[in-house]
C-alpha atoms as a PDB file:
ATOM      1  CA  UNK A   1      -8.017  78.607 262.440  1.00  0.00           C
ATOM      2  CA  UNK A   2      -8.072  82.126 261.038  1.00  0.00           C
ATOM      3  CA  UNK A   3     -10.766  82.991 258.526  1.00  0.00           C
ATOM      4  CA  UNK A   4      -9.097  83.227 255.126  1.00  0.00           C
ATOM      5  CA  UNK A   5     -12.091  84.696 253.281  1.00  0.00           C
ATOM      6  CA  UNK A   6     -11.216  88.285 252.511  1.00  0.00           C
ATOM      7  CA  UNK A   7     -11.074  90.480 249.419  1.00  0.00           C
ATOM      8  CA  UNK A   8      -8.041  89.475 247.414  1.00  0.00           C
ATOM      9  CA  UNK A   9      -5.460  91.876 246.113  1.00  0.00           C
ATOM     10  CA  UNK A  10      -2.531  90.282 244.409  1.00  0.00           C
ATOM     11  CA  UNK A  11       1.033  91.072 243.624  1.00  0.00           C
ATOM     12  CA  UNK A  12       2.354  89.591 240.408  1.00  0.00           C
ATOM     13  CA  UNK A  13       5.883  88.599 239.471  1.00  0.00           C
ATOM     14  CA  UNK A  14       6.987  86.915 236.230  1.00  0.00           C
ATOM     15  CA  UNK A  15       9.948  84.569 235.922  1.00  0.00           C
ATOM     16  CA  UNK A  16      10.826  83.787 232.329  1.00  0.00           C
ATOM     17  CA  UNK A  17      11.225  80.199 231.201  1.00  0.00           C
ATOM     18  CA  UNK A  18      14.528  79.390 229.530  1.00  0.00           C
ATOM     19  CA  UNK A  19      12.855  77.619 226.625  1.00  0.00           C
ATOM     20  CA  UNK A  20      11.036  80.772 225.562  1.00  0.00           C
ATOM     21  CA  UNK A  21      14.309  82.676 225.647  1.00  0.00           C
ATOM     22  CA  UNK A  22      15.520  80.330 222.911  1.00  0.00           C
ATOM     23  CA  UNK A  23      12.383  80.699 220.807  1.00  0.00           C
ATOM     24  CA  UNK A  24      11.033  77.226 221.561  1.00  0.00           C
ATOM     25  CA  UNK A  25       7.311  76.667 222.056  1.00  0.00           C
ATOM     26  CA  UNK A  26       6.058  75.249 225.336  1.00  0.00           C
ATOM     27  CA  UNK A  27       3.518  72.468 225.687  1.00  0.00           C
ATOM     28  CA  UNK A  28       0.935  72.314 228.457  1.00  0.00           C
ATOM     29  CA  UNK A  29       3.030  69.607 230.114  1.00  0.00           C
ATOM     30  CA  UNK A  30       6.065  71.914 229.985  1.00  0.00           C
ATOM     31  CA  UNK A  31       4.069  74.589 231.796  1.00  0.00           C
ATOM     32  CA  UNK A  32       2.897  72.113 234.444  1.00  0.00           C
ATOM     33  CA  UNK A  33       6.460  70.980 235.064  1.00  0.00           C
ATOM     34  CA  UNK A  34       7.639  74.602 235.275  1.00  0.00           C
ATOM     35  CA  UNK A  35       5.133  75.590 237.959  1.00  0.00           C
ATOM     36  CA  UNK A  36       5.758  72.349 239.851  1.00  0.00           C
ATOM     37  CA  UNK A  37       9.466  73.146 239.942  1.00  0.00           C
ATOM     38  CA  UNK A  38       8.745  76.722 241.060  1.00  0.00           C
ATOM     39  CA  UNK A  39       6.595  75.435 243.925  1.00  0.00           C
ATOM     40  CA  UNK A  40       9.589  73.734 245.551  1.00  0.00           C
ATOM     41  CA  UNK A  41      10.790  77.164 246.688  1.00  0.00           C
ATOM     42  CA  UNK A  42       7.681  77.383 248.889  1.00  0.00           C
ATOM     43  CA  UNK A  43       8.453  74.160 250.797  1.00  0.00           C
ATOM     44  CA  UNK A  44      10.302  74.867 254.065  1.00  0.00           C
ATOM     45  CA  UNK A  45      13.072  72.485 255.043  1.00  0.00           C
ATOM     46  CA  UNK A  46      12.015  69.834 257.542  1.00  0.00           C
ATOM     47  CA  UNK A  47       8.294  70.410 257.093  1.00  0.00           C
ATOM     48  CA  UNK A  48       5.318  68.175 256.474  1.00  0.00           C
ATOM     49  CA  UNK A  49       3.958  69.220 253.085  1.00  0.00           C
ATOM     50  CA  UNK A  50       0.368  68.868 251.926  1.00  0.00           C
ATOM     51  CA  UNK A  51       0.094  67.395 248.444  1.00  0.00           C
ATOM     52  CA  UNK A  52      -2.854  67.654 246.081  1.00  0.00           C
ATOM     53  CA  UNK A  53      -4.238  65.411 243.372  1.00  0.00           C
ATOM     54  CA  UNK A  54      -4.173  65.491 239.576  1.00  0.00           C
ATOM     55  CA  UNK A  55      -1.771  65.817 236.684  1.00  0.00           C
ATOM     56  CA  UNK A  56      -0.146  69.050 237.871  1.00  0.00           C
ATOM     57  CA  UNK A  57       0.139  67.748 241.431  1.00  0.00           C
ATOM     58  CA  UNK A  58       1.808  64.655 239.980  1.00  0.00           C
ATOM     59  CA  UNK A  59       4.459  66.921 238.472  1.00  0.00           C
ATOM     60  CA  UNK A  60       4.974  68.438 241.911  1.00  0.00           C
ATOM     61  CA  UNK A  61       5.393  64.983 243.451  1.00  0.00           C
ATOM     62  CA  UNK A  62       8.094  64.283 240.881  1.00  0.00           C
ATOM     63  CA  UNK A  63       9.878  67.501 241.889  1.00  0.00           C
ATOM     64  CA  UNK A  64       9.377  66.763 245.584  1.00  0.00           C
ATOM     65  CA  UNK A  65      11.132  63.436 245.133  1.00  0.00           C
ATOM     66  CA  UNK A  66      14.309  65.376 244.434  1.00  0.00           C
ATOM     67  CA  UNK A  67      14.248  66.961 247.907  1.00  0.00           C
ATOM     68  CA  UNK A  68      12.694  64.049 249.794  1.00  0.00           C
ATOM     69  CA  UNK A  69      15.499  64.065 252.393  1.00  0.00           C
ATOM     70  CA  UNK A  70      14.648  67.673 253.229  1.00  0.00           C
ATOM     71  CA  UNK A  71      10.988  67.084 254.159  1.00  0.00           C
ATOM     72  CA  UNK A  72       9.589  65.253 257.181  1.00  0.00           C
ATOM     73  CA  UNK A  73       6.819  63.673 255.146  1.00  0.00           C
ATOM     74  CA  UNK A  74       3.632  64.480 253.284  1.00  0.00           C
ATOM     75  CA  UNK A  75      -0.115  64.438 253.809  1.00  0.00           C
ATOM     76  CA  UNK A  76      -1.863  63.302 250.622  1.00  0.00           C
ATOM     77  CA  UNK A  77      -5.279  64.465 249.457  1.00  0.00           C
ATOM     78  CA  UNK A  78      -6.076  61.152 247.737  1.00  0.00           C
ATOM     79  CA  UNK A  79      -5.146  57.496 247.682  1.00  0.00           C
ATOM     80  CA  UNK A  80      -3.620  57.998 244.228  1.00  0.00           C
ATOM     81  CA  UNK A  81      -1.324  60.774 245.434  1.00  0.00           C
ATOM     82  CA  UNK A  82      -0.397  58.702 248.484  1.00  0.00           C
ATOM     83  CA  UNK A  83       0.720  55.880 246.214  1.00  0.00           C
ATOM     84  CA  UNK A  84       2.795  58.220 244.078  1.00  0.00           C
ATOM     85  CA  UNK A  85       4.429  59.766 247.128  1.00  0.00           C
ATOM     86  CA  UNK A  86       5.332  56.371 248.530  1.00  0.00           C
ATOM     87  CA  UNK A  87       6.795  55.339 245.189  1.00  0.00           C
ATOM     88  CA  UNK A  88       8.891  58.524 245.294  1.00  0.00           C
ATOM     89  CA  UNK A  89      10.294  57.524 248.671  1.00  0.00           C
ATOM     90  CA  UNK A  90       8.357  60.138 250.655  1.00  0.00           C
ATOM     91  CA  UNK A  91       6.675  59.076 253.882  1.00  0.00           C
ATOM     92  CA  UNK A  92       2.898  59.560 253.813  1.00  0.00           C
ATOM     93  CA  UNK A  93       1.451  60.681 257.134  1.00  0.00           C
ATOM     94  CA  UNK A  94      -2.074  60.462 258.525  1.00  0.00           C
ATOM     95  CA  UNK A  95      -3.513  63.948 258.918  1.00  0.00           C
ATOM     96  CA  UNK A  96      -4.844  63.020 262.357  1.00  0.00           C
ATOM     97  CA  UNK A  97      -1.266  62.711 263.564  1.00  0.00           C
ATOM     98  CA  UNK A  98      -0.090  66.011 262.077  1.00  0.00           C
ATOM     99  CA  UNK A  99      -0.364  69.298 263.967  1.00  0.00           C
ATOM    100  CA  UNK A 100       1.003  71.667 261.359  1.00  0.00           C
ATOM    101  CA  UNK A 101       1.204  71.812 257.554  1.00  0.00           C
ATOM    102  CA  UNK A 102       3.159  74.920 256.520  1.00  0.00           C
ATOM    103  CA  UNK A 103       2.255  74.578 252.840  1.00  0.00           C
ATOM    104  CA  UNK A 104      -0.235  72.724 250.638  1.00  0.00           C
ATOM    105  CA  UNK A 105       0.486  72.488 246.914  1.00  0.00           C
ATOM    106  CA  UNK A 106      -2.228  71.549 244.436  1.00  0.00           C
ATOM    107  CA  UNK A 107      -3.605  72.367 241.010  1.00  0.00           C
ATOM    108  CA  UNK A 108      -6.956  73.789 239.950  1.00  0.00           C
ATOM    109  CA  UNK A 109      -9.507  73.256 237.209  1.00  0.00           C
ATOM    110  CA  UNK A 110     -10.210  76.997 237.130  1.00  0.00           C
ATOM    111  CA  UNK A 111      -8.836  79.929 239.106  1.00  0.00           C
ATOM    112  CA  UNK A 112      -9.549  83.649 239.104  1.00  0.00           C
ATOM    113  CA  UNK A 113      -7.172  86.527 239.740  1.00  0.00           C
ATOM    114  CA  UNK A 114      -8.823  86.789 243.146  1.00  0.00           C
ATOM    115  CA  UNK A 115      -7.459  83.250 243.762  1.00  0.00           C
ATOM    116  CA  UNK A 116     -10.853  81.551 244.077  1.00  0.00           C
ATOM    117  CA  UNK A 117     -10.930  78.149 242.416  1.00  0.00           C
ATOM    118  CA  UNK A 118     -12.953  75.269 241.069  1.00  0.00           C
ATOM    119  CA  UNK A 119     -11.303  71.995 242.013  1.00  0.00           C
ATOM    120  CA  UNK A 120     -12.303  68.363 242.094  1.00  0.00           C
ATOM    121  CA  UNK A 121     -12.053  67.277 238.489  1.00  0.00           C
ATOM    122  CA  UNK A 122     -10.180  64.242 239.778  1.00  0.00           C
ATOM    123  CA  UNK A 123     -12.818  63.601 242.429  1.00  0.00           C
ATOM    124  CA  UNK A 124     -10.625  64.353 245.469  1.00  0.00           C
ATOM    125  CA  UNK A 125     -12.283  67.658 246.410  1.00  0.00           C
ATOM    126  CA  UNK A 126     -13.277  66.752 249.978  1.00  0.00           C
ATOM    127  CA  UNK A 127      -9.841  65.622 251.085  1.00  0.00           C
ATOM    128  CA  UNK A 128      -8.267  68.475 249.144  1.00  0.00           C
ATOM    129  CA  UNK A 129     -10.457  70.950 250.996  1.00  0.00           C
ATOM    130  CA  UNK A 130      -9.614  69.401 254.354  1.00  0.00           C
ATOM    131  CA  UNK A 131      -5.849  69.465 253.805  1.00  0.00           C
ATOM    132  CA  UNK A 132      -6.056  73.005 252.411  1.00  0.00           C
ATOM    133  CA  UNK A 133      -7.957  74.111 255.516  1.00  0.00           C
ATOM    134  CA  UNK A 134      -5.230  72.772 257.782  1.00  0.00           C
ATOM    135  CA  UNK A 135      -2.372  74.298 255.788  1.00  0.00           C
ATOM    136  CA  UNK A 136      -1.004  77.699 256.670  1.00  0.00           C
ATOM    137  CA  UNK A 137      -0.319  78.472 253.000  1.00  0.00           C
ATOM    138  CA  UNK A 138      -2.010  77.158 249.861  1.00  0.00           C
ATOM    139  CA  UNK A 139       0.129  77.315 246.721  1.00  0.00           C
ATOM    140  CA  UNK A 140      -1.895  76.674 243.575  1.00  0.00           C
ATOM    141  CA  UNK A 141       0.059  75.525 240.513  1.00  0.00           C
ATOM    142  CA  UNK A 142      -1.634  75.768 237.131  1.00  0.00           C
ATOM    143  CA  UNK A 143      -1.049  76.427 233.457  1.00  0.00           C
ATOM    144  CA  UNK A 144      -2.417  79.535 231.775  1.00  0.00           C
ATOM    145  CA  UNK A 145      -5.521  77.773 230.423  1.00  0.00           C
ATOM    146  CA  UNK A 146      -6.909  77.573 233.973  1.00  0.00           C
ATOM    147  CA  UNK A 147      -7.012  81.328 234.592  1.00  0.00           C
ATOM    148  CA  UNK A 148     -10.541  82.744 234.105  1.00  0.00           C
ATOM    149  CA  UNK A 149     -12.413  85.943 234.862  1.00  0.00           C
ATOM    150  CA  UNK A 150     -15.515  84.171 236.189  1.00  0.00           C
ATOM    151  CA  UNK A 151     -15.733  80.614 237.487  1.00  0.00           C
ATOM    152  CA  UNK A 152     -18.216  78.151 236.046  1.00  0.00           C
ATOM    153  CA  UNK A 153     -17.172  77.223 232.546  1.00  0.00           C
ATOM    154  CA  UNK A 154     -15.630  74.095 234.032  1.00  0.00           C
ATOM    155  CA  UNK A 155     -18.387  71.911 235.562  1.00  0.00           C
ATOM    156  CA  UNK A 156     -18.490  72.310 239.339  1.00  0.00           C
ATOM    157  CA  UNK A 157     -18.008  68.966 241.138  1.00  0.00           C
ATOM    158  CA  UNK A 158     -20.235  68.290 244.141  1.00  0.00           C
ATOM    159  CA  UNK A 159     -19.544  65.259 246.339  1.00  0.00           C
ATOM    160  CA  UNK A 160     -22.774  63.664 247.525  1.00  0.00           C
ATOM    161  CA  UNK A 161     -23.827  60.853 249.868  1.00  0.00           C
ATOM    162  CA  UNK A 162     -25.149  58.189 247.434  1.00  0.00           C
ATOM    163  CA  UNK A 163     -28.670  57.995 248.898  1.00  0.00           C
ATOM    164  CA  UNK A 164     -29.103  61.759 248.379  1.00  0.00           C
ATOM    165  CA  UNK A 165     -27.952  61.909 244.743  1.00  0.00           C
ATOM    166  CA  UNK A 166     -31.337  62.527 243.114  1.00  0.00           C
ATOM    167  CA  UNK A 167     -32.504  64.924 245.820  1.00  0.00           C
ATOM    168  CA  UNK A 168     -29.330  66.978 245.621  1.00  0.00           C
ATOM    169  CA  UNK A 169     -29.558  67.037 241.827  1.00  0.00           C
ATOM    170  CA  UNK A 170     -33.061  68.541 242.052  1.00  0.00           C
ATOM    171  CA  UNK A 171     -31.821  71.183 244.489  1.00  0.00           C
ATOM    172  CA  UNK A 172     -28.950  72.062 242.169  1.00  0.00           C
ATOM    173  CA  UNK A 173     -31.418  72.585 239.311  1.00  0.00           C
ATOM    174  CA  UNK A 174     -33.324  75.037 241.539  1.00  0.00           C
ATOM    175  CA  UNK A 175     -30.075  76.975 241.909  1.00  0.00           C
ATOM    176  CA  UNK A 176     -29.762  77.244 238.125  1.00  0.00           C
ATOM    177  CA  UNK A 177     -27.321  74.412 237.498  1.00  0.00           C
ATOM    178  CA  UNK A 178     -27.471  71.383 235.226  1.00  0.00           C
ATOM    179  CA  UNK A 179     -26.091  68.477 237.281  1.00  0.00           C
ATOM    180  CA  UNK A 180     -24.749  65.329 235.647  1.00  0.00           C
ATOM    181  CA  UNK A 181     -23.977  62.207 237.654  1.00  0.00           C
ATOM    182  CA  UNK A 182     -20.360  61.111 237.155  1.00  0.00           C
ATOM    183  CA  UNK A 183     -21.587  57.583 236.595  1.00  0.00           C
ATOM    184  CA  UNK A 184     -19.290  54.750 237.625  1.00  0.00           C
ATOM    185  CA  UNK A 185     -17.045  56.988 239.723  1.00  0.00           C
ATOM    186  CA  UNK A 186     -16.763  56.547 243.491  1.00  0.00           C
ATOM    187  CA  UNK A 187     -14.663  58.901 245.634  1.00  0.00           C
ATOM    188  CA  UNK A 188     -12.063  57.741 248.132  1.00  0.00           C
ATOM    189  CA  UNK A 189     -14.740  58.440 250.745  1.00  0.00           C
ATOM    190  CA  UNK A 190     -17.281  56.092 249.117  1.00  0.00           C
ATOM    191  CA  UNK A 191     -19.453  58.863 247.712  1.00  0.00           C
ATOM    192  CA  UNK A 192     -20.596  59.997 244.243  1.00  0.00           C
ATOM    193  CA  UNK A 193     -19.973  63.151 242.223  1.00  0.00           C
ATOM    194  CA  UNK A 194     -22.442  65.442 240.491  1.00  0.00           C
ATOM    195  CA  UNK A 195     -20.794  67.725 237.922  1.00  0.00           C
ATOM    196  CA  UNK A 196     -22.809  70.922 237.670  1.00  0.00           C
ATOM    197  CA  UNK A 197     -22.800  72.768 234.346  1.00  0.00           C
ATOM    198  CA  UNK A 198     -24.256  76.108 233.246  1.00  0.00           C
ATOM    199  CA  UNK A 199     -23.175  78.072 236.316  1.00  0.00           C
ATOM    200  CA  UNK A 200     -21.904  81.641 236.082  1.00  0.00           C
ATOM    201  CA  UNK A 201     -20.323  81.963 239.505  1.00  0.00           C
ATOM    202  CA  UNK A 202     -19.942  85.664 240.255  1.00  0.00           C
ATOM    203  CA  UNK A 203     -20.038  85.219 244.059  1.00  0.00           C
ATOM    204  CA  UNK A 204     -18.121  81.977 244.650  1.00  0.00           C
ATOM    205  CA  UNK A 205     -17.853  82.224 248.436  1.00  0.00           C
ATOM    206  CA  UNK A 206     -21.610  82.698 248.775  1.00  0.00           C
ATOM    207  CA  UNK A 207     -22.412  79.815 246.444  1.00  0.00           C
ATOM    208  CA  UNK A 208     -19.888  77.586 248.210  1.00  0.00           C
ATOM    209  CA  UNK A 209     -21.708  78.128 251.503  1.00  0.00           C
ATOM    210  CA  UNK A 210     -25.158  77.719 249.955  1.00  0.00           C
ATOM    211  CA  UNK A 211     -24.303  74.393 248.333  1.00  0.00           C
ATOM    212  CA  UNK A 212     -22.801  73.017 251.510  1.00  0.00           C
ATOM    213  CA  UNK A 213     -26.111  73.604 253.305  1.00  0.00           C
ATOM    214  CA  UNK A 214     -27.992  71.184 251.026  1.00  0.00           C
ATOM    215  CA  UNK A 215     -28.594  67.939 252.961  1.00  0.00           C
ATOM    216  CA  UNK A 216     -26.588  65.134 251.424  1.00  0.00           C
ATOM    217  CA  UNK A 217     -23.811  67.353 250.078  1.00  0.00           C
ATOM    218  CA  UNK A 218     -20.443  66.437 251.551  1.00  0.00           C
ATOM    219  CA  UNK A 219     -18.745  69.431 249.988  1.00  0.00           C
ATOM    220  CA  UNK A 220     -18.430  71.192 246.648  1.00  0.00           C
ATOM    221  CA  UNK A 221     -15.459  72.066 244.483  1.00  0.00           C
ATOM    222  CA  UNK A 222     -15.521  75.809 245.101  1.00  0.00           C
ATOM    223  CA  UNK A 223     -12.429  76.908 246.992  1.00  0.00           C
ATOM    224  CA  UNK A 224     -13.315  80.518 247.711  1.00  0.00           C
ATOM    225  CA  UNK A 225     -13.790  80.732 251.460  1.00  0.00           C
ATOM    226  CA  UNK A 226     -10.335  79.197 251.675  1.00  0.00           C
ATOM    227  CA  UNK A 227      -8.797  80.239 248.397  1.00  0.00           C
ATOM    228  CA  UNK A 228      -5.183  80.028 247.329  1.00  0.00           C
ATOM    229  CA  UNK A 229      -2.583  82.269 248.947  1.00  0.00           C
ATOM    230  CA  UNK A 230      -0.185  81.979 246.010  1.00  0.00           C
ATOM    231  CA  UNK A 231      -0.801  81.161 242.362  1.00  0.00           C
ATOM    232  CA  UNK A 232       2.103  79.974 240.232  1.00  0.00           C
ATOM    233  CA  UNK A 233       0.790  80.266 236.689  1.00  0.00           C
ATOM    234  CA  UNK A 234       2.677  78.727 233.794  1.00  0.00           C
ATOM    235  CA  UNK A 235       2.486  80.927 230.694  1.00  0.00           C
ATOM    236  CA  UNK A 236       4.331  81.213 227.407  1.00  0.00           C
ATOM    237  CA  UNK A 237       6.165  84.199 228.919  1.00  0.00           C
ATOM    238  CA  UNK A 238       7.241  82.385 232.073  1.00  0.00           C
ATOM    239  CA  UNK A 239       5.917  81.515 235.514  1.00  0.00           C
ATOM    240  CA  UNK A 240       3.719  84.312 236.798  1.00  0.00           C
ATOM    241  CA  UNK A 241       3.336  84.538 240.571  1.00  0.00           C
ATOM    242  CA  UNK A 242       0.195  86.010 242.094  1.00  0.00           C
ATOM    243  CA  UNK A 243       0.176  86.454 245.871  1.00  0.00           C
ATOM    244  CA  UNK A 244      -2.756  87.413 248.021  1.00  0.00           C
ATOM    245  CA  UNK A 245      -2.251  90.745 249.779  1.00  0.00           C
ATOM    246  CA  UNK A 246      -2.673  90.606 253.512  1.00  0.00           C
ATOM    247  CA  UNK A 247      -6.172  90.884 254.916  1.00  0.00           C
ATOM    248  CA  UNK A 248      -5.544  94.463 256.046  1.00  0.00           C
ATOM    249  CA  UNK A 249      -5.333  95.561 252.437  1.00  0.00           C
ATOM    250  CA  UNK A 250      -1.659  96.323 251.981  1.00  0.00           C
ATOM    251  CA  UNK A 251      -0.893  97.431 248.411  1.00  0.00           C
ATOM    252  CA  UNK A 252       0.272  94.875 245.861  1.00  0.00           C
ATOM    253  CA  UNK A 253       4.027  94.473 245.483  1.00  0.00           C
ATOM    254  CA  UNK A 254       5.638  94.509 242.075  1.00  0.00           C
ATOM    255  CA  UNK A 255       8.757  92.657 241.068  1.00  0.00           C
END
């Protein structure tokens, strides 16, 4: 698989939302539904689509149900998303039996203009990272509250083998974080989550690699080494589209 860690340059396009044209205010749920609807344009006919987890991904599943006869099936990043897909009449496929995922659509807890993200607020970060790694294109859908200049205001989830929880927590403190055990929560993989506060993540790809080297860490919620390729951002002015320029540094396109 090609390395997708490269300096990001983005092109930005804005599509106005009809409600704003009529002077009506938009709720956060309106923005989530708008970006979910916009993401359908990125789903090729006849493909297997990767589907994320969380409230914005749920909006995408609802939109995907409307074109269910045009997709071959879906790979889900969590048991919850798998259930929702099945209820929508979309076949859920085992990733081990899938050779190609043209597009993966998921939300984010935070995302920068360089398209690096914090994900995992719903606890599905490991499977999300796996499906994203397989996908040829990662489309992130988010409302405007998720766009930040520097990652870290949202606590960074770290999935940990249960026996290593205390050890990993001590190592995270050494790295400057304040880890809190998400008590009572167990991931789909049978592991626990440490939510790490007080991080100012100026080099997300480096920190992502560092954290993954701590024994007992399954993975962490930084998606920087494999960031998004497209961000559909719901704003009061419409859906803004940020696309990663190619790795050879072609100039951003305007639209």
